[in-house]
């Protein structure tokens, strides 16, 4: 049995609205129970009346009213007009003297209705029944907007009340076909979306949320919110965790958004009402002083961590789905806020402040210029893993980016993927910055310019087809470039030329270079360049060739040109070396330079400045037929060290394979075949020989007579010749010949000789 008509009558009487679908179904189940537990309620409308009378919706309607005001309001709700004088006196007296109670007054007045009042009330019940039925048929789900002060407002309720008022407004009433015509017309208007929105605006603005300007969305409230309807709100607050999507559309530009607590599986849409996204700005607050969005779970004793993102996707856009130009984030939490994906394809300025760090796992931005102003004071990782504070943007996909500005006072970390051939970086962030830079276009060189007062570390991972790299540094702080490498396979770089120019007051450091095809390297200004890692050696101690026998990353054999005469901060080079008929030409400044050129048959010309130089020519333990011309500057501090090679380094009875110009007192010459080389040193008088070839032949004989690893030297024609033999039997696989320009004396040590004079 259905009690729909009776229930609708009570809804109209108590709440002046039709029953919502869920409420109608519930009370029908109470009055016509399917089990014995509620059998005592069967047909007992008093159960419904008592519940309605005790509800917050009912009591709120009449709170603070006098007895006369209550009676007058009931007349207006039920009959569409104010109480007549007699009725007002009668009912208000009963209410005042306690003969009637607030819980009874509505049903008692409705039950006493006669004439046109009864018709108006009955028509409202009929209309309410029709409205609920239409509501169910159209599958309109009642959407609760904001529970405030104990009320339970519904999206449909405003239109429903307005609809009933149109029925009650005809005191003469209607019946039969005439009533159905009125209902059909009014019902269509009531359920029209435009009418519903207008009704909600009027209803909420005047009653549901008086004085409230922040739309607070609680855990159970999902879906999209049309902020043009909720126009009285000038701020939005996501106050609870939810696993569903929530959206705010037609938002007035500039409306702030707060996300208070972790919403791990939640997607949030913030869409403005205008189409000026690039010039719009939004203030976004993440977390609170008590809680952060997401976090890390660390598994001791290892450093393994599980990342919990506080929000899945946050999309910021205008009505045309173009991104918001300026985003101001207050990262307000005790430690760190985490966002999985920030979608803003027009973002040009990101300002970050607050007590917490901020980690954004993914950001896609199509802007040509991007400014990050990072003043977040919280950590970017758990304190046990990092001491840095600031923002971390991982997977920053910026295909059109050409200009990057870093500002603020915190340490910023970016994983930047760029599809342009050049990047202009201006870093004034006093906290410093670290950039993992995925860049380059096949067939074009990569260009990087850096300026500003902030220290920057960049790890470049480049397109395998990019042809070169040019770095211009004018910054007043240090710029550090990590190992230069390629995507997919780090050593598959196609760079044939690299230029590093530093005219700023900071230092430009290149920590490593995996370019296998690099033929031209130009270093200007204060540049520290290393294309390999070498051991740190005490001053005056021979390197011992075995200690630095690495495989070079540079595989060019057709000749490499290095121009670094003005670079006085030190260069580290390891080259495969020129093949026969080709020349490696290397000019370096006054820094502490280390050069290893493994050419075995080509020509190697090395000019170094006044710094401490370690130079290895040829390859240890291999026959070499190349020519190595080494020019040294007068050492300003520690001596230079020349490592010559190899057993059989350009053995010939008349010609030296290694020619050293500028050797000075204290310089070391190491023979790489054995640590015991030159333990036996013999000086020879070569003045009476007819020519240099005869003098060298005499030295070979003298060195061989000393046995394995014997060394003989002497001066002829103003130059000093040094001969070392591996086994004591001269030959191509045994003997090394070095010419020192100028007259020098030598002293013997184990594995090397020292220039004494």
Foldseek 3Di string as FASTA:
>chain_A
DAPQLVLQLLCLLQQLFFDAQVRRVVVRCLQVPPDPPSVVNNNPCVVVLVVSLPAPSRCVVCPPHQLLVLQQVSLCSQQVHGDDPVSSVVRSVCPVVVVDDSSCSRVVVLVPDDDLSVQLNSLLSVLSSVLNVVCVVVVPDWAFFAQDPRDTDTLLGLLRSVLSSVQSNPSNHDDDPVSVVSSVVSSVQSPDVVNSLVSLLVPCDVPRDPPDQEREDEAVHADEDECVSVVSHQEYEDDYEYQEEHEYEQHDFAREYEYAFAHQNYAYYYEHNDQPQQATEYEYEAHAAAYGQWAWDADPPDRDIDTGARHEEYEAYYPVSAFHAEYEYAREYQAEHHYAEYEHQNYAEYEYEYAYAYEYAAYHYADQHHEYAWAHNHCPHPPVVDPFGTYEYHHYEHANYAEYEYHYAGEYEYAYEYEDQEHEYEYAHQRAYEYEYEYADAPEAHEYEYEYAHEYEYEYAYALRHAAYEYEYAYQEEYEYEEQAYPPGGLSHNYQEYEYEYPHNYAYEYHAYLDQNHAEYEYYEAYEEANDDADDDPFLDDPQVVRVPDDGSHADAQEHEYHAQRHQAEYEEEHCYHEAPHEYEEEHYNHAYEYEHAYQHEEYEYEYEQEAYEYEYHDAADQGQYAYEYEYYNHPDGAYEYADDYFQHNDDLQDARYEYEPHDFSYKYFYNHFQQAQVAEEEDEQAPDPDRSVSSNVQLLVQLVVAANRKYWYDDPQKIKIKTFHGSDDDNRTMHIYIYRGDFDWDGDGRIIGTHD
